[in-house]
Amino acid sequence: MRLLVTGGCGFIGANFLYAMRRNHPDWRLFNLDKLTYAGNLGSLRALEAEAGPAYTFIHGDIGDRDLVSATLSEHKIDAVVNFAAESHVDRSIDDPAPFVTTNVLGAQNVLECARRAGTGRVVHVSTDEVYGSLGATGQFHETTPIAPNSPYSASKAGADLLARAYHETYGQDIVVTRCSNNYGPFQFPEKLIPLMYTRAIAGEPLPVYGDGQNVRDWIFVDDHCRGVELALLKGRAGAVYNFGGASEMPNLEVVRTVLRLTGQNDTLIRFVTDRPGHDRRYAMNFDLAARELGFAPSVTFAEGMARTIAWYQANSVWLDEVQSGAYRTFMNSWYKERA
């Protein structure tokens, strides 16, 4: 297999590349990444050193038609997994334009280039956020109508619909995956768990939106990567598969877990003005993935959180490297406005 992974320097993409190297050492892995603020080549130093010529990094934008086409043809790519995306809801509220550019137009370019090149399967990695918000009960199914509530989720929903259209119109071999909230090693520190960790170890206030009772289903990143691998190898063309961690948790409980694991207490919690369009609850039904792919999460929330905090504690240099001035400026101004 000659596999192109887009966005491989991001959080989930990097973990996926490591997983594919472990599980399929005979594969040739190609990583196309634009290296925006959340893309970190340092996350893949160990992979690059270990894999040698079996791994190739390509610096570029998924919206660059010439580059994507040349990559597919010159490297004789067999399949594509598209992780490349702008992925932070707060940033999408601040400026939706980059999300439309990358998540919609970029994804369409990947689909079109793969179609023209005759590339085999394209796995388009999406999110549970395209479904909108749940009440106190129920779960999202693959047949749940999409109803995105943020610019980020709307851009991902747009790409999902394009993926469906390319399969229905052109017969292209495309699989869409939708996953609940990921956590684990290499996650950029603007997301909830690493943000709370970095503030907790510094003894700084931990900003929690609203009343902290927004519920998310948490999945350890290795379990998500396994789901994407199964979709790549066994998925039905044209299908959508949900992946979840069976670990629903209010945000406030997640924050308190971080505080316990870092030896801090609840006095650091600061409730801030809720963000616009904040979905109340997500919960994923993954019966279809279990039935057709054999997917099931294997890491409990307690185990995954312990492993995640231990990884951040052991990788303080990595954390320091990704906390650029631009990152701190955005996060400080965003939460200051809501304090």
Protein backbone atom coordinates (compact mmCIF):
# COMPACT_ATOMS: atom_id res chain seq x y z
CA MET A 1 0.00 0.00 0.00
CA ARG A 2 1.19 3.48 -0.90
CA LEU A 3 -0.89 5.69 1.39
CA LEU A 4 -1.20 9.47 1.32
CA VAL A 5 -2.20 11.03 4.66
CA THR A 6 -3.12 14.70 4.50
CA GLY A 7 -2.70 16.76 7.65
CA GLY A 8 -0.33 14.19 9.09
CA CYS A 9 1.51 16.74 11.24
CA GLY A 10 -1.64 17.49 13.21
CA PHE A 11 -2.78 15.72 16.36
CA ILE A 12 -4.80 12.81 14.96
CA GLY A 13 -2.85 12.59 11.70
CA ALA A 14 0.47 12.13 13.52
CA ASN A 15 -0.97 9.41 15.76
CA PHE A 16 -2.44 7.71 12.69
CA LEU A 17 0.91 7.70 10.88
CA TYR A 18 2.59 6.09 13.88
CA ALA A 19 -0.17 3.50 14.05
CA MET A 20 0.12 2.65 10.35
CA ARG A 21 3.88 2.27 10.68
CA ARG A 22 3.41 -0.14 13.59
CA ASN A 23 0.61 -2.12 11.98
CA HIS A 24 1.81 -2.13 8.37
CA PRO A 25 5.61 -1.79 8.25
CA ASP A 26 5.60 -2.75 4.56
CA TRP A 27 3.46 0.27 3.56
CA ARG A 28 4.92 3.44 2.05
CA LEU A 29 3.57 6.44 3.92
CA PHE A 30 3.32 9.94 2.44
CA ASN A 31 2.36 12.95 4.53
CA LEU A 32 1.08 16.15 2.90
CA ASP A 33 0.79 19.00 5.39
CA LYS A 34 0.67 22.79 5.08
CA LEU A 35 2.24 23.25 8.54
CA THR A 36 -0.21 25.82 9.84
CA TYR A 37 -0.05 26.79 13.53
CA ALA A 38 -1.25 23.34 14.68
CA GLY A 39 0.96 21.32 12.34
CA ASN A 40 4.18 20.24 14.02
CA LEU A 41 6.96 18.38 12.23
CA GLY A 42 8.48 17.70 15.64
CA SER A 43 5.64 15.28 16.37
CA LEU A 44 6.98 12.94 13.67
CA ARG A 45 10.72 13.04 14.39
CA ALA A 46 10.71 9.51 15.76
CA LEU A 47 8.72 8.18 12.78
CA GLU A 48 11.03 9.87 10.28
CA ALA A 49 14.11 8.45 11.99
CA GLU A 50 12.71 4.94 12.26
CA ALA A 51 10.92 4.58 8.92
CA GLY A 52 13.60 6.08 6.69
CA PRO A 53 12.59 5.94 3.00
CA ALA A 54 9.26 4.30 3.90
CA TYR A 55 8.04 7.72 5.03
CA THR A 56 7.98 10.90 2.92
CA PHE A 57 6.94 14.37 4.02
CA ILE A 58 5.52 16.78 1.43
CA HIS A 59 5.03 20.41 2.42
CA GLY A 60 1.94 21.88 0.82
CA ASP A 61 -1.72 22.80 0.80
CA ILE A 62 -4.52 20.34 0.01
CA GLY A 63 -6.08 23.18 -2.00
CA ASP A 64 -3.13 23.24 -4.42
CA ARG A 65 -4.41 21.23 -7.37
CA ASP A 66 -1.08 20.94 -9.14
CA LEU A 67 0.69 19.72 -6.01
CA VAL A 68 -1.99 17.21 -5.01
CA SER A 69 -2.25 15.85 -8.54
CA ALA A 70 1.53 15.53 -8.87
CA THR A 71 1.77 13.81 -5.49
CA LEU A 72 -0.86 11.25 -6.42
CA SER A 73 0.66 10.45 -9.80
CA GLU A 74 4.39 10.66 -9.07
CA HIS A 75 4.17 8.51 -5.94
CA LYS A 76 1.56 6.13 -7.41
CA ILE A 77 -0.72 6.59 -4.41
CA ASP A 78 -3.17 3.74 -3.78
CA ALA A 79 -5.39 5.44 -1.19
CA VAL A 80 -5.84 8.75 0.64
CA VAL A 81 -6.87 9.50 4.22
CA ASN A 82 -7.85 13.16 4.53
CA PHE A 83 -7.26 14.54 8.02
CA ALA A 84 -6.27 18.02 6.83
CA ALA A 85 -8.61 20.61 8.33
CA GLU A 86 -8.95 23.72 10.39
CA SER A 87 -10.49 22.20 13.49
CA HIS A 88 -10.99 24.62 16.36
CA VAL A 89 -14.53 25.91 16.94
CA ASP A 90 -13.42 29.08 18.73
CA ARG A 91 -11.15 30.05 15.85
CA SER A 92 -13.96 29.41 13.36
CA ILE A 93 -16.19 31.83 15.28
CA ASP A 94 -13.42 34.41 15.25
CA ASP A 95 -12.82 34.01 11.47
CA PRO A 96 -14.78 31.43 9.42
CA ALA A 97 -12.97 32.08 6.12
CA PRO A 98 -9.97 29.73 6.60
CA PHE A 99 -12.36 26.95 7.58
CA VAL A 100 -14.33 27.25 4.35
CA THR A 101 -11.11 27.46 2.33
CA THR A 102 -9.46 24.37 3.79
CA ASN A 103 -12.33 22.23 4.98
CA VAL A 104 -14.62 22.67 1.97
CA LEU A 105 -12.53 23.78 -1.02
CA GLY A 106 -9.47 21.85 0.08
CA ALA A 107 -11.43 18.66 0.64
CA GLN A 108 -13.13 19.06 -2.74
CA ASN A 109 -9.73 19.44 -4.37
CA VAL A 110 -8.52 16.20 -2.79
CA LEU A 111 -11.62 14.38 -4.04
CA GLU A 112 -11.28 15.80 -7.53
CA CYS A 113 -7.57 15.11 -7.85
CA ALA A 114 -8.05 11.54 -6.60
CA ARG A 115 -10.89 11.03 -9.08
CA ARG A 116 -8.85 12.29 -12.01
CA ALA A 117 -5.80 10.27 -10.97
CA GLY A 118 -7.79 7.07 -10.61
CA THR A 119 -6.65 6.74 -7.00
CA GLY A 120 -8.38 3.97 -5.09
CA ARG A 121 -10.10 4.68 -1.80
CA VAL A 122 -10.45 8.11 -0.18
CA VAL A 123 -11.30 8.16 3.51
CA HIS A 124 -12.64 11.56 4.49
CA VAL A 125 -12.31 12.13 8.24
CA SER A 126 -15.13 14.22 9.68
CA THR A 127 -16.67 14.94 13.09
CA ASP A 128 -19.73 14.31 15.23
CA GLU A 129 -20.27 18.08 15.30
CA VAL A 130 -21.94 17.97 11.87
CA TYR A 131 -25.01 16.45 13.59
CA GLY A 132 -25.61 19.49 15.80
CA SER A 133 -26.74 19.07 19.39
CA LEU A 134 -28.62 16.43 21.37
CA GLY A 135 -30.96 16.78 24.30
CA ALA A 136 -30.57 14.87 27.54
CA THR A 137 -31.09 11.49 25.84
CA GLY A 138 -30.42 9.77 22.54
CA GLN A 139 -27.41 9.27 20.28
CA PHE A 140 -26.24 10.33 16.85
CA HIS A 141 -26.65 7.66 14.17
CA GLU A 142 -25.24 7.78 10.66
CA THR A 143 -28.79 8.49 9.47
CA THR A 144 -29.23 11.47 11.81
CA PRO A 145 -29.80 14.60 9.69
CA ILE A 146 -26.82 16.92 9.77
CA ALA A 147 -27.49 20.26 11.46
CA PRO A 148 -24.19 22.03 12.16
CA ASN A 149 -24.21 24.98 14.56
CA SER A 150 -20.73 26.51 14.20
CA PRO A 151 -18.75 27.70 11.17
CA TYR A 152 -16.32 24.83 11.81
CA SER A 153 -18.98 22.13 11.84
CA ALA A 154 -20.74 23.70 8.85
CA SER A 155 -17.52 23.53 6.86
CA LYS A 156 -17.05 19.88 7.76
CA ALA A 157 -20.67 19.12 6.86
CA GLY A 158 -20.11 20.77 3.48
CA ALA A 159 -17.15 18.48 2.82
CA ASP A 160 -19.17 15.43 3.91
CA LEU A 161 -21.86 16.29 1.38
CA LEU A 162 -19.27 16.73 -1.34
CA ALA A 163 -17.83 13.32 -0.49
CA ARG A 164 -21.31 11.81 -0.80
CA ALA A 165 -21.86 13.60 -4.10
CA TYR A 166 -18.57 12.36 -5.55
CA HIS A 167 -19.52 8.80 -4.68
CA GLU A 168 -23.07 9.09 -6.01
CA THR A 169 -22.20 11.07 -9.14
CA TYR A 170 -18.88 9.55 -10.19
CA GLY A 171 -18.94 6.19 -8.42
CA GLN A 172 -15.78 7.17 -6.56
CA ASP A 173 -14.66 4.88 -3.72
CA ILE A 174 -15.14 7.19 -0.74
CA VAL A 175 -15.78 6.45 2.93
CA VAL A 176 -16.68 9.15 5.47
CA THR A 177 -15.89 8.73 9.15
CA ARG A 178 -17.34 10.83 11.98
CA CYS A 179 -15.81 10.69 15.40
CA SER A 180 -16.44 12.08 18.87
CA ASN A 181 -13.95 14.22 20.84
CA ASN A 182 -10.39 12.91 20.66
CA TYR A 183 -7.70 13.23 23.30
CA GLY A 184 -4.19 11.85 23.72
CA PRO A 185 -0.53 12.55 22.82
CA PHE A 186 0.41 15.39 20.46
CA GLN A 187 -2.84 17.33 20.86
CA PHE A 188 -2.34 21.04 20.32
CA PRO A 189 -2.84 23.00 23.55
CA GLU A 190 -5.81 25.08 22.46
CA LYS A 191 -8.11 22.05 22.87
CA LEU A 192 -9.80 21.42 26.21
CA ILE A 193 -7.64 18.77 27.87
CA PRO A 194 -4.15 20.08 26.96
CA LEU A 195 -5.30 23.66 27.58
CA MET A 196 -6.46 22.74 31.07
CA TYR A 197 -3.25 20.78 31.67
CA THR A 198 -0.95 23.66 30.70
CA ARG A 199 -2.87 26.11 32.87
CA ALA A 200 -3.11 23.70 35.80
CA ILE A 201 0.62 23.01 35.99
CA ALA A 202 1.25 26.77 35.82
CA GLY A 203 -1.29 27.43 38.59
CA GLU A 204 -3.31 29.63 36.25
CA PRO A 205 -7.14 29.94 36.12
CA LEU A 206 -8.91 27.25 34.08
CA PRO A 207 -11.64 28.82 31.88
CA VAL A 208 -14.80 26.72 31.67
CA TYR A 209 -17.61 27.78 29.33
CA GLY A 210 -21.07 28.46 30.77
CA ASP A 211 -22.05 26.08 33.57
CA GLY A 212 -19.57 23.39 32.48
CA GLN A 213 -22.34 20.87 31.83
CA ASN A 214 -21.90 20.58 28.07
CA VAL A 215 -21.47 16.85 27.50
CA ARG A 216 -19.03 15.24 25.06
CA ASP A 217 -18.26 11.62 24.22
CA TRP A 218 -14.48 11.20 24.62
CA ILE A 219 -12.39 8.74 22.61
CA PHE A 220 -8.69 8.05 23.05
CA VAL A 221 -6.89 8.90 19.82
CA ASP A 222 -5.52 5.37 19.31
CA ASP A 223 -9.07 4.02 19.20
CA HIS A 224 -10.05 6.62 16.62
CA CYS A 225 -7.00 5.75 14.51
CA ARG A 226 -8.01 2.10 14.64
CA GLY A 227 -11.47 3.04 13.39
CA VAL A 228 -10.06 5.01 10.46
CA GLU A 229 -7.75 2.10 9.62
CA LEU A 230 -10.73 -0.27 9.60
CA ALA A 231 -12.68 2.11 7.36
CA LEU A 232 -9.72 2.22 4.97
CA LEU A 233 -9.32 -1.54 4.81
CA LYS A 234 -12.87 -2.86 5.26
CA GLY A 235 -15.32 0.02 4.82
CA ARG A 236 -18.15 -0.11 2.33
CA ALA A 237 -17.78 2.39 -0.51
CA GLY A 238 -20.15 5.32 0.00
CA ALA A 239 -20.73 4.52 3.68
CA VAL A 240 -20.54 6.81 6.69
CA TYR A 241 -19.23 5.33 9.95
CA ASN A 242 -19.54 6.81 13.44
CA PHE A 243 -16.77 6.20 15.98
CA GLY A 244 -17.19 6.92 19.67
CA GLY A 245 -15.51 6.17 22.94
CA ALA A 246 -18.59 5.27 25.02
CA SER A 247 -17.34 7.84 27.53
CA GLU A 248 -19.85 10.67 27.91
CA MET A 249 -18.62 13.33 30.30
CA PRO A 250 -19.59 16.92 31.19
CA ASN A 251 -16.76 19.34 30.46
CA LEU A 252 -16.57 20.28 34.13
CA GLU A 253 -15.80 16.66 35.06
CA VAL A 254 -13.07 16.53 32.42
CA VAL A 255 -11.51 19.66 33.92
CA ARG A 256 -11.71 18.23 37.43
CA THR A 257 -10.02 15.04 36.21
CA VAL A 258 -7.12 17.09 34.85
CA LEU A 259 -6.86 18.93 38.17
CA ARG A 260 -6.75 15.66 40.13
CA LEU A 261 -4.09 14.17 37.87
CA THR A 262 -1.92 17.27 38.17
CA GLY A 263 -2.29 17.57 41.93
CA GLN A 264 -4.33 20.78 41.76
CA ASN A 265 -7.79 21.59 43.11
CA ASP A 266 -11.07 23.12 41.96
CA THR A 267 -10.20 26.62 43.17
CA LEU A 268 -8.48 27.21 39.80
CA ILE A 269 -11.75 26.81 37.88
CA ARG A 270 -13.20 30.03 36.43
CA PHE A 271 -16.58 29.98 34.68
CA VAL A 272 -16.58 32.26 31.64
CA THR A 273 -19.29 33.47 29.25
CA ASP A 274 -20.46 30.63 27.05
CA ARG A 275 -19.35 30.68 23.43
CA PRO A 276 -21.96 31.37 20.71
CA GLY A 277 -23.81 28.31 19.39
CA HIS A 278 -22.27 25.98 21.98
CA ASP A 279 -23.80 22.53 21.42
CA ARG A 280 -25.14 21.05 24.66
CA ARG A 281 -24.51 17.35 24.20
CA TYR A 282 -22.97 14.86 21.77
CA ALA A 283 -23.25 11.06 21.96
CA MET A 284 -22.23 8.64 19.22
CA ASN A 285 -23.87 5.37 18.28
CA PHE A 286 -21.24 3.20 16.57
CA ASP A 287 -23.26 0.00 16.10
CA LEU A 288 -22.76 0.15 12.32
CA ALA A 289 -18.97 0.37 12.68
CA ALA A 290 -19.05 -2.47 15.19
CA ARG A 291 -21.13 -4.63 12.88
CA GLU A 292 -19.42 -3.93 9.55
CA LEU A 293 -15.86 -3.13 10.65
CA GLY A 294 -15.44 -4.85 14.01
CA PHE A 295 -14.79 -1.51 15.72
CA ALA A 296 -14.96 -1.06 19.49
CA PRO A 297 -13.14 1.40 21.75
CA SER A 298 -10.56 -0.33 23.92
CA VAL A 299 -9.31 2.49 26.21
CA THR A 300 -11.45 3.70 29.10
CA PHE A 301 -11.60 7.40 29.91
CA ALA A 302 -9.73 6.87 33.19
CA GLU A 303 -6.94 4.93 31.48
CA GLY A 304 -6.75 7.31 28.55
CA MET A 305 -6.57 10.39 30.75
CA ALA A 306 -3.80 8.87 32.87
CA ARG A 307 -1.82 8.03 29.73
CA THR A 308 -2.44 11.48 28.24
CA ILE A 309 -1.33 13.46 31.30
CA ALA A 310 1.70 11.18 31.70
CA TRP A 311 2.64 11.87 28.07
CA TYR A 312 2.44 15.64 28.52
CA GLN A 313 4.50 15.39 31.69
CA ALA A 314 7.16 13.42 29.85
CA ASN A 315 7.15 15.71 26.79
CA SER A 316 7.42 19.22 28.20
CA VAL A 317 9.90 20.18 25.46
CA TRP A 318 7.33 19.32 22.79
CA LEU A 319 4.73 21.36 24.64
CA ASP A 320 7.05 24.36 24.93
CA GLU A 321 7.84 24.22 21.21
CA VAL A 322 4.21 24.39 20.09
CA GLN A 323 3.25 27.23 22.40
CA SER A 324 4.18 30.00 20.01
CA GLY A 325 3.53 33.68 20.59
CA ALA A 326 0.71 33.68 18.02
CA TYR A 327 -1.04 30.87 19.86
CA ARG A 328 -0.85 32.60 23.24
CA THR A 329 -2.05 35.91 21.79
CA PHE A 330 -5.17 34.33 20.29
CA MET A 331 -6.08 32.26 23.35
CA ASN A 332 -5.51 35.09 25.84
CA SER A 333 -7.62 37.57 23.87
CA TRP A 334 -10.40 35.02 23.27
CA TYR A 335 -10.87 34.08 26.91
CA LYS A 336 -10.30 37.63 28.17
CA GLU A 337 -13.33 38.77 26.19
CA ARG A 338 -15.46 36.14 27.96
CA ALA A 339 -14.19 36.50 31.52
